[in-house]
C-alpha atoms as a PDB file:
ATOM      1  CA  VAL A   1       0.197  -0.142   0.242  1.00  0.00           C
ATOM      2  CA  GLN A   2       1.288   3.495  -0.574  1.00  0.00           C
ATOM      3  CA  LEU A   3       0.040   6.648   0.773  1.00  0.00           C
ATOM      4  CA  GLN A   4       0.218  10.040  -0.718  1.00  0.00           C
ATOM      5  CA  ALA A   5      -0.939  13.279   1.594  1.00  0.00           C
ATOM      6  CA  SER A   6      -1.618  16.747   0.032  1.00  0.00           C
ATOM      7  CA  GLY A   7      -3.201  19.607   0.729  1.00  0.00           C
ATOM      8  CA  GLY A   8      -0.739  21.527   3.044  1.00  0.00           C
ATOM      9  CA  GLY A   9       0.068  24.619   2.928  1.00  0.00           C
ATOM     10  CA  LEU A  10      -0.116  27.995   4.745  1.00  0.00           C
ATOM     11  CA  VAL A  11      -2.658  29.328   6.570  1.00  0.00           C
ATOM     12  CA  GLN A  12      -3.646  32.093   8.813  1.00  0.00           C
ATOM     13  CA  ALA A  13      -4.576  32.132  12.493  1.00  0.00           C
ATOM     14  CA  GLY A  14      -8.528  30.982  11.967  1.00  0.00           C
ATOM     15  CA  GLY A  15      -8.902  29.576   8.727  1.00  0.00           C
ATOM     16  CA  SER A  16      -9.022  26.473   7.203  1.00  0.00           C
ATOM     17  CA  LEU A  17      -7.215  23.841   5.416  1.00  0.00           C
ATOM     18  CA  LYS A  18      -8.463  20.495   3.718  1.00  0.00           C
ATOM     19  CA  LEU A  19      -5.377  17.619   3.523  1.00  0.00           C
ATOM     20  CA  SER A  20      -6.327  14.162   0.928  1.00  0.00           C
ATOM     21  CA  CYS A  21      -4.321  11.088   1.565  1.00  0.00           C
ATOM     22  CA  ILE A  22      -5.340   8.515  -1.181  1.00  0.00           C
ATOM     23  CA  ALA A  23      -3.981   5.270  -0.156  1.00  0.00           C
ATOM     24  CA  SER A  24      -2.797   3.218  -3.499  1.00  0.00           C
ATOM     25  CA  THR A  25      -3.406  -0.573  -3.038  1.00  0.00           C
ATOM     26  CA  SER A  26      -3.569  -3.531  -5.952  1.00  0.00           C
ATOM     27  CA  GLY A  27      -6.118  -4.737  -3.480  1.00  0.00           C
ATOM     28  CA  ARG A  28      -8.316  -3.247  -1.466  1.00  0.00           C
ATOM     29  CA  ILE A  29      -8.979  -1.433   1.589  1.00  0.00           C
ATOM     30  CA  TYR A  30     -10.183  -3.328   4.545  1.00  0.00           C
ATOM     31  CA  SER A  31     -13.392  -2.686   6.484  1.00  0.00           C
ATOM     32  CA  SER A  32     -11.738  -3.152   9.905  1.00  0.00           C
ATOM     33  CA  TRP A  33      -8.125  -1.008   8.244  1.00  0.00           C
ATOM     34  CA  ILE A  34      -7.797   1.974  10.340  1.00  0.00           C
ATOM     35  CA  MET A  35      -6.423   4.882   8.228  1.00  0.00           C
ATOM     36  CA  GLY A  36      -5.276   7.929  10.117  1.00  0.00           C
ATOM     37  CA  TRP A  37      -3.655  10.971  10.561  1.00  0.00           C
ATOM     38  CA  PHE A  38      -0.601  12.197  12.684  1.00  0.00           C
ATOM     39  CA  ARG A  39       1.395  15.443  13.079  1.00  0.00           C
ATOM     40  CA  GLN A  40       5.109  15.892  14.374  1.00  0.00           C
ATOM     41  CA  ALA A  41       5.889  19.566  14.983  1.00  0.00           C
ATOM     42  CA  PRO A  42       9.862  20.115  15.152  1.00  0.00           C
ATOM     43  CA  GLY A  43      11.025  18.737  18.375  1.00  0.00           C
ATOM     44  CA  LYS A  44       7.963  17.042  18.928  1.00  0.00           C
ATOM     45  CA  GLU A  45       7.488  13.451  18.700  1.00  0.00           C
ATOM     46  CA  ARG A  46       4.664  12.202  15.810  1.00  0.00           C
ATOM     47  CA  GLU A  47       1.203  12.539  17.834  1.00  0.00           C
ATOM     48  CA  PHE A  48      -2.006  11.631  16.813  1.00  0.00           C
ATOM     49  CA  VAL A  49      -4.985  13.576  14.590  1.00  0.00           C
ATOM     50  CA  ALA A  50      -7.636  11.800  14.081  1.00  0.00           C
ATOM     51  CA  ALA A  51      -8.138   8.420  12.235  1.00  0.00           C
ATOM     52  CA  MET A  52     -11.340   6.449  10.601  1.00  0.00           C
ATOM     53  CA  ARG A  53     -12.092   2.261  10.881  1.00  0.00           C
ATOM     54  CA  TRP A  54     -13.046   2.367   7.427  1.00  0.00           C
ATOM     55  CA  GLY A  55     -15.675   0.099   6.375  1.00  0.00           C
ATOM     56  CA  PRO A  56     -18.374   2.053   9.219  1.00  0.00           C
ATOM     57  CA  GLY A  57     -16.394   5.070   9.088  1.00  0.00           C
ATOM     58  CA  THR A  58     -16.254   5.129  12.751  1.00  0.00           C
ATOM     59  CA  THR A  59     -14.110   8.098  13.869  1.00  0.00           C
ATOM     60  CA  TYR A  60     -11.813   9.048  15.952  1.00  0.00           C
ATOM     61  CA  TYR A  61     -10.043  12.545  17.350  1.00  0.00           C
ATOM     62  CA  SER A  62      -7.700  14.371  20.245  1.00  0.00           C
ATOM     63  CA  ASP A  63      -8.513  16.156  21.916  1.00  0.00           C
ATOM     64  CA  SER A  64      -6.945  19.017  21.004  1.00  0.00           C
ATOM     65  CA  VAL A  65      -8.491  18.684  17.821  1.00  0.00           C
ATOM     66  CA  LYS A  66     -11.921  17.408  18.361  1.00  0.00           C
ATOM     67  CA  GLY A  67     -14.480  19.955  16.937  1.00  0.00           C
ATOM     68  CA  ARG A  68     -12.245  21.656  15.117  1.00  0.00           C
ATOM     69  CA  PHE A  69     -11.261  18.742  12.072  1.00  0.00           C
ATOM     70  CA  THR A  70     -12.878  16.689  10.523  1.00  0.00           C
ATOM     71  CA  ILE A  71     -12.109  13.242   8.687  1.00  0.00           C
ATOM     72  CA  ALA A  72     -14.236  11.764   5.991  1.00  0.00           C
ATOM     73  CA  LYS A  73     -14.002   9.813   2.977  1.00  0.00           C
ATOM     74  CA  ASP A  74     -13.464  11.944   0.472  1.00  0.00           C
ATOM     75  CA  ASN A  75     -15.074  11.662  -2.971  1.00  0.00           C
ATOM     76  CA  GLY A  76     -12.171   9.850  -4.876  1.00  0.00           C
ATOM     77  CA  TYR A  77     -11.923   6.012  -4.370  1.00  0.00           C
ATOM     78  CA  ASN A  78     -10.049   4.681  -1.766  1.00  0.00           C
ATOM     79  CA  THR A  79      -9.054   8.619  -0.162  1.00  0.00           C
ATOM     80  CA  ILE A  80      -9.620  10.314   2.497  1.00  0.00           C
ATOM     81  CA  ALA A  81      -9.581  13.801   4.115  1.00  0.00           C
ATOM     82  CA  LEU A  82      -8.473  15.860   6.968  1.00  0.00           C
ATOM     83  CA  THR A  83     -11.257  19.258   7.171  1.00  0.00           C
ATOM     84  CA  MET A  84      -8.978  21.413   9.735  1.00  0.00           C
ATOM     85  CA  SER A  85     -10.593  24.731  10.413  1.00  0.00           C
ATOM     86  CA  SER A  86     -10.340  27.241  13.587  1.00  0.00           C
ATOM     87  CA  LEU A  87      -6.485  26.899  13.123  1.00  0.00           C
ATOM     88  CA  LYS A  88      -4.562  27.591  15.571  1.00  0.00           C
ATOM     89  CA  PRO A  89      -0.197  28.567  15.052  1.00  0.00           C
ATOM     90  CA  GLU A  90       0.048  25.264  17.985  1.00  0.00           C
ATOM     91  CA  ASP A  91      -1.970  22.816  14.417  1.00  0.00           C
ATOM     92  CA  THR A  92       1.448  23.965  12.610  1.00  0.00           C
ATOM     93  CA  ALA A  93       3.321  20.699  12.172  1.00  0.00           C
ATOM     94  CA  VAL A  94       3.980  18.241   8.687  1.00  0.00           C
ATOM     95  CA  TYR A  95       0.772  15.965   8.701  1.00  0.00           C
ATOM     96  CA  TYR A  96       0.691  12.307   8.012  1.00  0.00           C
ATOM     97  CA  CYS A  97      -1.555   9.646   7.041  1.00  0.00           C
ATOM     98  CA  GLY A  98      -1.257   6.310   7.720  1.00  0.00           C
ATOM     99  CA  ILE A  99      -2.908   2.700   7.561  1.00  0.00           C
ATOM    100  CA  LEU A 100      -3.456   0.372  10.693  1.00  0.00           C
ATOM    101  CA  ARG A 101      -4.525  -3.479   9.421  1.00  0.00           C
ATOM    102  CA  ALA A 102      -4.375  -5.307  12.548  1.00  0.00           C
ATOM    103  CA  THR A 103      -7.187  -4.962  14.911  1.00  0.00           C
ATOM    104  CA  GLY A 104      -6.992  -4.177  17.982  1.00  0.00           C
ATOM    105  CA  LEU A 105      -4.510  -2.348  18.504  1.00  0.00           C
ATOM    106  CA  GLY A 106      -4.109   1.372  19.434  1.00  0.00           C
ATOM    107  CA  TRP A 107      -5.301   3.587  17.110  1.00  0.00           C
ATOM    108  CA  GLU A 108      -3.504   6.312  18.722  1.00  0.00           C
ATOM    109  CA  SER A 109       0.206   5.112  19.312  1.00  0.00           C
ATOM    110  CA  SER A 110       1.803   5.808  16.030  1.00  0.00           C
ATOM    111  CA  ARG A 111       3.638   2.867  16.625  1.00  0.00           C
ATOM    112  CA  ASN A 112       0.727   0.176  14.866  1.00  0.00           C
ATOM    113  CA  TYR A 113       0.068   1.709  11.888  1.00  0.00           C
ATOM    114  CA  ASP A 114       1.652  -0.479   9.089  1.00  0.00           C
ATOM    115  CA  TYR A 115       2.288   2.133   6.304  1.00  0.00           C
ATOM    116  CA  TRP A 116       2.638   6.028   5.822  1.00  0.00           C
ATOM    117  CA  GLY A 117       2.401   8.604   3.335  1.00  0.00           C
ATOM    118  CA  GLN A 118       5.401  10.933   3.044  1.00  0.00           C
ATOM    119  CA  GLY A 119       3.905  13.750   4.468  1.00  0.00           C
ATOM    120  CA  THR A 120       2.398  17.126   4.087  1.00  0.00           C
ATOM    121  CA  LEU A 121       3.943  20.408   6.085  1.00  0.00           C
ATOM    122  CA  VAL A 122       0.815  22.515   7.708  1.00  0.00           C
ATOM    123  CA  THR A 123       1.819  26.323   8.993  1.00  0.00           C
ATOM    124  CA  VAL A 124      -0.366  28.250  10.635  1.00  0.00           C
ATOM    125  CA  SER A 125       0.724  32.040  10.837  1.00  0.00           C
ATOM    126  CA  SER A 126      -0.822  34.044  13.777  1.00  0.00           C
END
């Protein structure tokens, strides 16, 4: 599986941005798989942002983004989007999308993810 993240850029505080992640696979995205978004700011560890279980569409959010960010399937095949609104300077980071295949593992831990995209930079100016 190859993941391609896009949509990052520079935005003012309070603004919005939409990230997309396309999963390219010779097979399919299984309903039990989780597609997630993480972010990593300079000098910090990669942290969980949001995730979705592919089949049922169950979503999960970190407390820091709940109510501001929305994860959802996008119009494209095997595409997931992260719509970010009310952005804050502390949201500045490289955003990565990932896939977790195994069930029973925590979707909040980046160590459990099997595949990663290359990352897209989001910069929020104050």
